[in-house]
PDB file of N, CA and C in Angstrom:
ATOM      1  N   MET A   1       0.853  -1.174   0.000  1.00  0.00           N
ATOM      2  CA  MET A   1       0.000   0.000   0.000  1.00  0.00           C
ATOM      3  C   MET A   1       0.894   1.230   0.000  1.00  0.00           C
ATOM      4  N   ARG A   2       0.455   2.243  -0.737  1.00  0.00           N
ATOM      5  CA  ARG A   2       1.195   3.493  -0.824  1.00  0.00           C
ATOM      6  C   ARG A   2       0.280   4.661  -0.481  1.00  0.00           C
ATOM      7  N   LEU A   3       0.892   5.698   0.031  1.00  0.00           N
ATOM      8  CA  LEU A   3       0.220   6.972   0.269  1.00  0.00           C
ATOM      9  C   LEU A   3       0.802   7.940  -0.753  1.00  0.00           C
ATOM     10  N   THR A   4      -0.048   8.474  -1.636  1.00  0.00           N
ATOM     11  CA  THR A   4       0.444   9.370  -2.679  1.00  0.00           C
ATOM     12  C   THR A   4      -0.239  10.724  -2.570  1.00  0.00           C
ATOM     13  N   PHE A   5       0.414  11.718  -3.105  1.00  0.00           N
ATOM     14  CA  PHE A   5      -0.089  13.077  -3.097  1.00  0.00           C
ATOM     15  C   PHE A   5      -0.877  13.303  -4.372  1.00  0.00           C
ATOM     16  N   GLY A   6      -2.170  13.611  -4.268  1.00  0.00           N
ATOM     17  CA  GLY A   6      -3.040  13.793  -5.422  1.00  0.00           C
ATOM     18  C   GLY A   6      -2.860  15.140  -6.095  1.00  0.00           C
ATOM     19  N   HIS A   7      -3.389  15.271  -7.295  1.00  0.00           N
ATOM     20  CA  HIS A   7      -3.246  16.501  -8.068  1.00  0.00           C
ATOM     21  C   HIS A   7      -4.035  17.674  -7.486  1.00  0.00           C
ATOM     22  N   LEU A   8      -4.961  17.396  -6.573  1.00  0.00           N
ATOM     23  CA  LEU A   8      -5.730  18.463  -5.935  1.00  0.00           C
ATOM     24  C   LEU A   8      -5.172  18.825  -4.560  1.00  0.00           C
ATOM     25  N   GLY A   9      -3.980  18.323  -4.263  1.00  0.00           N
ATOM     26  CA  GLY A   9      -3.365  18.607  -2.976  1.00  0.00           C
ATOM     27  C   GLY A   9      -3.820  17.684  -1.871  1.00  0.00           C
ATOM     28  N   ASP A  10      -4.511  16.603  -2.249  1.00  0.00           N
ATOM     29  CA  ASP A  10      -5.001  15.654  -1.251  1.00  0.00           C
ATOM     30  C   ASP A  10      -4.109  14.414  -1.208  1.00  0.00           C
ATOM     31  N   TRP A  11      -4.182  13.690  -0.111  1.00  0.00           N
ATOM     32  CA  TRP A  11      -3.453  12.438   0.029  1.00  0.00           C
ATOM     33  C   TRP A  11      -4.362  11.298  -0.375  1.00  0.00           C
ATOM     34  N   ILE A  12      -3.797  10.309  -1.072  1.00  0.00           N
ATOM     35  CA  ILE A  12      -4.605   9.225  -1.621  1.00  0.00           C
ATOM     36  C   ILE A  12      -4.029   7.871  -1.213  1.00  0.00           C
ATOM     37  N   VAL A  13      -4.918   6.989  -0.739  1.00  0.00           N
ATOM     38  CA  VAL A  13      -4.600   5.590  -0.487  1.00  0.00           C
ATOM     39  C   VAL A  13      -5.509   4.787  -1.399  1.00  0.00           C
ATOM     40  N   ASP A  14      -4.991   3.731  -2.015  1.00  0.00           N
ATOM     41  CA  ASP A  14      -5.782   2.914  -2.928  1.00  0.00           C
ATOM     42  C   ASP A  14      -7.024   2.377  -2.206  1.00  0.00           C
ATOM     43  N   PRO A  15      -8.231   2.735  -2.668  1.00  0.00           N
ATOM     44  CA  PRO A  15      -9.445   2.308  -1.980  1.00  0.00           C
ATOM     45  C   PRO A  15      -9.637   0.792  -1.981  1.00  0.00           C
ATOM     46  N   ARG A  16      -9.109   0.091  -2.979  1.00  0.00           N
ATOM     47  CA  ARG A  16      -9.237  -1.380  -3.003  1.00  0.00           C
ATOM     48  C   ARG A  16      -8.484  -1.999  -1.833  1.00  0.00           C
ATOM     49  N   GLU A  17      -7.290  -1.510  -1.579  1.00  0.00           N
ATOM     50  CA  GLU A  17      -6.496  -2.049  -0.476  1.00  0.00           C
ATOM     51  C   GLU A  17      -7.093  -1.650   0.872  1.00  0.00           C
ATOM     52  N   LEU A  18      -7.570  -0.433   0.963  1.00  0.00           N
ATOM     53  CA  LEU A  18      -8.167   0.038   2.208  1.00  0.00           C
ATOM     54  C   LEU A  18      -9.468  -0.714   2.511  1.00  0.00           C
ATOM     55  N   ALA A  19     -10.298  -0.915   1.510  1.00  0.00           N
ATOM     56  CA  ALA A  19     -11.560  -1.638   1.690  1.00  0.00           C
ATOM     57  C   ALA A  19     -11.304  -3.052   2.213  1.00  0.00           C
ATOM     58  N   ALA A  20     -10.317  -3.716   1.657  1.00  0.00           N
ATOM     59  CA  ALA A  20      -9.987  -5.072   2.107  1.00  0.00           C
ATOM     60  C   ALA A  20      -9.581  -5.073   3.577  1.00  0.00           C
ATOM     61  N   ARG A  21      -8.838  -4.067   3.991  1.00  0.00           N
ATOM     62  CA  ARG A  21      -8.401  -3.989   5.386  1.00  0.00           C
ATOM     63  C   ARG A  21      -9.563  -3.689   6.335  1.00  0.00           C
ATOM     64  N   LEU A  22     -10.595  -3.021   5.828  1.00  0.00           N
ATOM     65  CA  LEU A  22     -11.753  -2.686   6.651  1.00  0.00           C
ATOM     66  C   LEU A  22     -12.873  -3.730   6.541  1.00  0.00           C
ATOM     67  N   GLY A  23     -12.685  -4.724   5.684  1.00  0.00           N
ATOM     68  CA  GLY A  23     -13.662  -5.799   5.572  1.00  0.00           C
ATOM     69  C   GLY A  23     -14.909  -5.462   4.784  1.00  0.00           C
ATOM     70  N   VAL A  24     -14.801  -4.497   3.865  1.00  0.00           N
ATOM     71  CA  VAL A  24     -15.930  -4.139   3.000  1.00  0.00           C
ATOM     72  C   VAL A  24     -15.460  -4.145   1.549  1.00  0.00           C
ATOM     73  N   SER A  25     -16.408  -4.108   0.622  1.00  0.00           N
ATOM     74  CA  SER A  25     -16.045  -4.024  -0.790  1.00  0.00           C
ATOM     75  C   SER A  25     -15.641  -2.592  -1.126  1.00  0.00           C
ATOM     76  N   THR A  26     -14.940  -2.433  -2.214  1.00  0.00           N
ATOM     77  CA  THR A  26     -14.541  -1.095  -2.660  1.00  0.00           C
ATOM     78  C   THR A  26     -15.778  -0.244  -2.946  1.00  0.00           C
ATOM     79  N   THR A  27     -16.789  -0.847  -3.564  1.00  0.00           N
ATOM     80  CA  THR A  27     -18.030  -0.134  -3.866  1.00  0.00           C
ATOM     81  C   THR A  27     -18.695   0.359  -2.587  1.00  0.00           C
ATOM     82  N   GLU A  28     -18.746  -0.509  -1.574  1.00  0.00           N
ATOM     83  CA  GLU A  28     -19.356  -0.134  -0.302  1.00  0.00           C
ATOM     84  C   GLU A  28     -18.557   0.972   0.387  1.00  0.00           C
ATOM     85  N   LEU A  29     -17.240   0.877   0.363  1.00  0.00           N
ATOM     86  CA  LEU A  29     -16.399   1.911   0.971  1.00  0.00           C
ATOM     87  C   LEU A  29     -16.644   3.266   0.305  1.00  0.00           C
ATOM     88  N   LYS A  30     -16.702   3.291  -1.004  1.00  0.00           N
ATOM     89  CA  LYS A  30     -16.948   4.545  -1.725  1.00  0.00           C
ATOM     90  C   LYS A  30     -18.343   5.088  -1.423  1.00  0.00           C
ATOM     91  N   ARG A  31     -19.332   4.201  -1.335  1.00  0.00           N
ATOM     92  CA  ARG A  31     -20.694   4.623  -1.011  1.00  0.00           C
ATOM     93  C   ARG A  31     -20.753   5.235   0.390  1.00  0.00           C
ATOM     94  N   LEU A  32     -20.133   4.583   1.335  1.00  0.00           N
ATOM     95  CA  LEU A  32     -20.114   5.092   2.702  1.00  0.00           C
ATOM     96  C   LEU A  32     -19.355   6.412   2.810  1.00  0.00           C
ATOM     97  N   GLN A  33     -18.308   6.548   2.022  1.00  0.00           N
ATOM     98  CA  GLN A  33     -17.549   7.800   2.021  1.00  0.00           C
ATOM     99  C   GLN A  33     -18.411   8.941   1.487  1.00  0.00           C
ATOM    100  N   ARG A  34     -19.138   8.697   0.410  1.00  0.00           N
ATOM    101  CA  ARG A  34     -20.023   9.728  -0.142  1.00  0.00           C
ATOM    102  C   ARG A  34     -21.092  10.144   0.854  1.00  0.00           C
ATOM    103  N   ARG A  35     -21.535   9.213   1.691  1.00  0.00           N
ATOM    104  CA  ARG A  35     -22.556   9.497   2.706  1.00  0.00           C
ATOM    105  C   ARG A  35     -21.956  10.114   3.978  1.00  0.00           C
ATOM    106  N   GLY A  36     -20.647  10.277   3.998  1.00  0.00           N
ATOM    107  CA  GLY A  36     -20.002  10.897   5.155  1.00  0.00           C
ATOM    108  C   GLY A  36     -19.799   9.961   6.336  1.00  0.00           C
ATOM    109  N   GLU A  37     -19.835   8.657   6.086  1.00  0.00           N
ATOM    110  CA  GLU A  37     -19.711   7.680   7.161  1.00  0.00           C
ATOM    111  C   GLU A  37     -18.290   7.150   7.343  1.00  0.00           C
ATOM    112  N   VAL A  38     -17.349   7.663   6.570  1.00  0.00           N
ATOM    113  CA  VAL A  38     -15.948   7.264   6.702  1.00  0.00           C
ATOM    114  C   VAL A  38     -15.188   8.450   7.260  1.00  0.00           C
ATOM    115  N   ASP A  39     -14.512   8.233   8.374  1.00  0.00           N
ATOM    116  CA  ASP A  39     -13.702   9.281   8.998  1.00  0.00           C
ATOM    117  C   ASP A  39     -12.242   8.970   8.733  1.00  0.00           C
ATOM    118  N   ALA A  40     -11.559   9.832   8.015  1.00  0.00           N
ATOM    119  CA  ALA A  40     -10.144   9.638   7.701  1.00  0.00           C
ATOM    120  C   ALA A  40      -9.342  10.824   8.207  1.00  0.00           C
ATOM    121  N   ARG A  41      -8.241  10.523   8.887  1.00  0.00           N
ATOM    122  CA  ARG A  41      -7.358  11.557   9.438  1.00  0.00           C
ATOM    123  C   ARG A  41      -5.933  11.276   9.019  1.00  0.00           C
ATOM    124  N   ILE A  42      -5.228  12.341   8.673  1.00  0.00           N
ATOM    125  CA  ILE A  42      -3.820  12.232   8.304  1.00  0.00           C
ATOM    126  C   ILE A  42      -3.044  13.246   9.126  1.00  0.00           C
ATOM    127  N   LYS A  43      -1.942  12.784   9.746  1.00  0.00           N
ATOM    128  CA  LYS A  43      -1.128  13.715  10.515  1.00  0.00           C
ATOM    129  C   LYS A  43       0.309  13.227  10.591  1.00  0.00           C
ATOM    130  N   ASP A  44       1.207  14.152  10.907  1.00  0.00           N
ATOM    131  CA  ASP A  44       2.591  13.779  11.147  1.00  0.00           C
ATOM    132  C   ASP A  44       2.633  12.848  12.339  1.00  0.00           C
ATOM    133  N   ALA A  45       3.421  11.779  12.222  1.00  0.00           N
ATOM    134  CA  ALA A  45       3.442  10.779  13.281  1.00  0.00           C
ATOM    135  C   ALA A  45       4.498  11.050  14.338  1.00  0.00           C
ATOM    136  N   THR A  46       5.484  11.860  14.003  1.00  0.00           N
ATOM    137  CA  THR A  46       6.560  12.112  14.959  1.00  0.00           C
ATOM    138  C   THR A  46       6.917  13.579  14.971  1.00  0.00           C
ATOM    139  N   GLU A  47       7.485  14.006  16.066  1.00  0.00           N
ATOM    140  CA  GLU A  47       7.928  15.393  16.164  1.00  0.00           C
ATOM    141  C   GLU A  47       9.396  15.572  15.807  1.00  0.00           C
ATOM    142  N   ASP A  48      10.124  14.472  15.626  1.00  0.00           N
ATOM    143  CA  ASP A  48      11.568  14.604  15.395  1.00  0.00           C
ATOM    144  C   ASP A  48      11.945  14.723  13.921  1.00  0.00           C
ATOM    145  N   GLY A  49      10.965  14.901  13.043  1.00  0.00           N
ATOM    146  CA  GLY A  49      11.252  15.188  11.642  1.00  0.00           C
ATOM    147  C   GLY A  49      11.703  14.016  10.804  1.00  0.00           C
ATOM    148  N   ASP A  50      11.358  12.780  11.184  1.00  0.00           N
ATOM    149  CA  ASP A  50      11.785  11.642  10.376  1.00  0.00           C
ATOM    150  C   ASP A  50      10.863  11.378   9.189  1.00  0.00           C
ATOM    151  N   GLY A  51       9.835  12.210   9.014  1.00  0.00           N
ATOM    152  CA  GLY A  51       8.993  12.141   7.826  1.00  0.00           C
ATOM    153  C   GLY A  51       7.888  11.107   7.860  1.00  0.00           C
ATOM    154  N   LEU A  52       7.564  10.551   9.009  1.00  0.00           N
ATOM    155  CA  LEU A  52       6.489   9.558   9.077  1.00  0.00           C
ATOM    156  C   LEU A  52       5.128  10.232   9.133  1.00  0.00           C
ATOM    157  N   THR A  53       4.165   9.616   8.461  1.00  0.00           N
ATOM    158  CA  THR A  53       2.800  10.119   8.430  1.00  0.00           C
ATOM    159  C   THR A  53       1.859   9.011   8.880  1.00  0.00           C
ATOM    160  N   ARG A  54       0.920   9.344   9.754  1.00  0.00           N
ATOM    161  CA  ARG A  54      -0.052   8.366  10.238  1.00  0.00           C
ATOM    162  C   ARG A  54      -1.409   8.651   9.590  1.00  0.00           C
ATOM    163  N   VAL A  55      -1.997   7.599   9.032  1.00  0.00           N
ATOM    164  CA  VAL A  55      -3.334   7.681   8.446  1.00  0.00           C
ATOM    165  C   VAL A  55      -4.251   6.804   9.287  1.00  0.00           C
ATOM    166  N   THR A  56      -5.342   7.377   9.776  1.00  0.00           N
ATOM    167  CA  THR A  56      -6.325   6.631  10.552  1.00  0.00           C
ATOM    168  C   THR A  56      -7.663   6.718   9.827  1.00  0.00           C
ATOM    169  N   VAL A  57      -8.285   5.567   9.597  1.00  0.00           N
ATOM    170  CA  VAL A  57      -9.582   5.509   8.930  1.00  0.00           C
ATOM    171  C   VAL A  57     -10.536   4.750   9.839  1.00  0.00           C
ATOM    172  N   ARG A  58     -11.673   5.371  10.123  1.00  0.00           N
ATOM    173  CA  ARG A  58     -12.695   4.742  10.956  1.00  0.00           C
ATOM    174  C   ARG A  58     -13.960   4.551  10.127  1.00  0.00           C
ATOM    175  N   LEU A  59     -14.527   3.377  10.270  1.00  0.00           N
ATOM    176  CA  LEU A  59     -15.751   3.021   9.565  1.00  0.00           C
ATOM    177  C   LEU A  59     -16.606   2.224  10.534  1.00  0.00           C
ATOM    178  N   HIS A  60     -17.699   2.823  11.000  1.00  0.00           N
ATOM    179  CA  HIS A  60     -18.563   2.189  11.998  1.00  0.00           C
ATOM    180  C   HIS A  60     -17.733   1.815  13.222  1.00  0.00           C
ATOM    181  N   SER A  61     -17.687   0.543  13.579  1.00  0.00           N
ATOM    182  CA  SER A  61     -16.936   0.122  14.761  1.00  0.00           C
ATOM    183  C   SER A  61     -15.539  -0.375  14.418  1.00  0.00           C
ATOM    184  N   GLN A  62     -15.133  -0.261  13.171  1.00  0.00           N
ATOM    185  CA  GLN A  62     -13.815  -0.725  12.743  1.00  0.00           C
ATOM    186  C   GLN A  62     -12.892   0.460  12.504  1.00  0.00           C
ATOM    187  N   SER A  63     -11.602   0.220  12.671  1.00  0.00           N
ATOM    188  CA  SER A  63     -10.645   1.248  12.294  1.00  0.00           C
ATOM    189  C   SER A  63      -9.367   0.593  11.790  1.00  0.00           C
ATOM    190  N   TRP A  64      -8.655   1.336  10.975  1.00  0.00           N
ATOM    191  CA  TRP A  64      -7.368   0.912  10.447  1.00  0.00           C
ATOM    192  C   TRP A  64      -6.422   2.089  10.581  1.00  0.00           C
ATOM    193  N   ARG A  65      -5.197   1.804  10.980  1.00  0.00           N
ATOM    194  CA  ARG A  65      -4.184   2.854  11.093  1.00  0.00           C
ATOM    195  C   ARG A  65      -2.927   2.389  10.365  1.00  0.00           C
ATOM    196  N   GLY A  66      -2.439   3.244   9.467  1.00  0.00           N
ATOM    197  CA  GLY A  66      -1.226   2.947   8.732  1.00  0.00           C
ATOM    198  C   GLY A  66      -0.172   4.003   8.997  1.00  0.00           C
ATOM    199  N   LEU A  67       1.073   3.573   9.039  1.00  0.00           N
ATOM    200  CA  LEU A  67       2.206   4.462   9.221  1.00  0.00           C
ATOM    201  C   LEU A  67       3.024   4.417   7.937  1.00  0.00           C
ATOM    202  N   PHE A  68       3.221   5.593   7.326  1.00  0.00           N
ATOM    203  CA  PHE A  68       3.895   5.683   6.036  1.00  0.00           C
ATOM    204  C   PHE A  68       5.186   6.479   6.172  1.00  0.00           C
ATOM    205  N   ASP A  69       6.212   6.068   5.427  1.00  0.00           N
ATOM    206  CA  ASP A  69       7.468   6.812   5.452  1.00  0.00           C
ATOM    207  C   ASP A  69       7.390   8.008   4.506  1.00  0.00           C
ATOM    208  N   ARG A  70       8.447   8.773   4.427  1.00  0.00           N
ATOM    209  CA  ARG A  70       8.449   9.996   3.620  1.00  0.00           C
ATOM    210  C   ARG A  70       8.281   9.756   2.122  1.00  0.00           C
ATOM    211  N   HIS A  71       8.463   8.497   1.689  1.00  0.00           N
ATOM    212  CA  HIS A  71       8.299   8.152   0.272  1.00  0.00           C
ATOM    213  C   HIS A  71       6.913   7.578  -0.020  1.00  0.00           C
ATOM    214  N   GLY A  72       6.052   7.526   1.012  1.00  0.00           N
ATOM    215  CA  GLY A  72       4.697   7.028   0.833  1.00  0.00           C
ATOM    216  C   GLY A  72       4.558   5.527   0.985  1.00  0.00           C
ATOM    217  N   GLU A  73       5.615   4.847   1.440  1.00  0.00           N
ATOM    218  CA  GLU A  73       5.555   3.396   1.627  1.00  0.00           C
ATOM    219  C   GLU A  73       4.999   3.061   3.001  1.00  0.00           C
ATOM    220  N   LEU A  74       4.130   2.074   3.052  1.00  0.00           N
ATOM    221  CA  LEU A  74       3.557   1.615   4.309  1.00  0.00           C
ATOM    222  C   LEU A  74       4.652   0.890   5.103  1.00  0.00           C
ATOM    223  N   VAL A  75       4.899   1.337   6.332  1.00  0.00           N
ATOM    224  CA  VAL A  75       5.937   0.737   7.167  1.00  0.00           C
ATOM    225  C   VAL A  75       5.363   0.064   8.413  1.00  0.00           C
ATOM    226  N   GLY A  76       4.085   0.262   8.665  1.00  0.00           N
ATOM    227  CA  GLY A  76       3.432  -0.383   9.799  1.00  0.00           C
ATOM    228  C   GLY A  76       1.942  -0.154   9.741  1.00  0.00           C
ATOM    229  N   GLU A  77       1.180  -1.068  10.327  1.00  0.00           N
ATOM    230  CA  GLU A  77      -0.268  -0.897  10.345  1.00  0.00           C
ATOM    231  C   GLU A  77      -0.865  -1.671  11.504  1.00  0.00           C
ATOM    232  N   GLU A  78      -2.056  -1.268  11.889  1.00  0.00           N
ATOM    233  CA  GLU A  78      -2.804  -1.964  12.933  1.00  0.00           C
ATOM    234  C   GLU A  78      -4.290  -1.789  12.676  1.00  0.00           C
ATOM    235  N   GLN A  79      -5.075  -2.745  13.166  1.00  0.00           N
ATOM    236  CA  GLN A  79      -6.527  -2.676  13.038  1.00  0.00           C
ATOM    237  C   GLN A  79      -7.155  -2.779  14.412  1.00  0.00           C
ATOM    238  N   ALA A  80      -8.312  -2.167  14.557  1.00  0.00           N
ATOM    239  CA  ALA A  80      -9.037  -2.254  15.824  1.00  0.00           C
ATOM    240  C   ALA A  80     -10.515  -2.432  15.559  1.00  0.00           C
TER     241      ALA A  80
END
């Protein structure tokens, strides 16, 4: 999984990979996102400037958190 910078200044994670991690289909994930039922947060993961970014996605009672390096590569993840 990669975190990429979109042409509109937004961060993008492949919805197919994210949907699989959340246990829903890609179609369902997109539908829920349009309805405002997906909460996604992106923030710097460390204060020491090592370039890590944390992405947290919550969907109903499930959540996924990914840690990405400065090149957008997934270096760690957890589910709850």
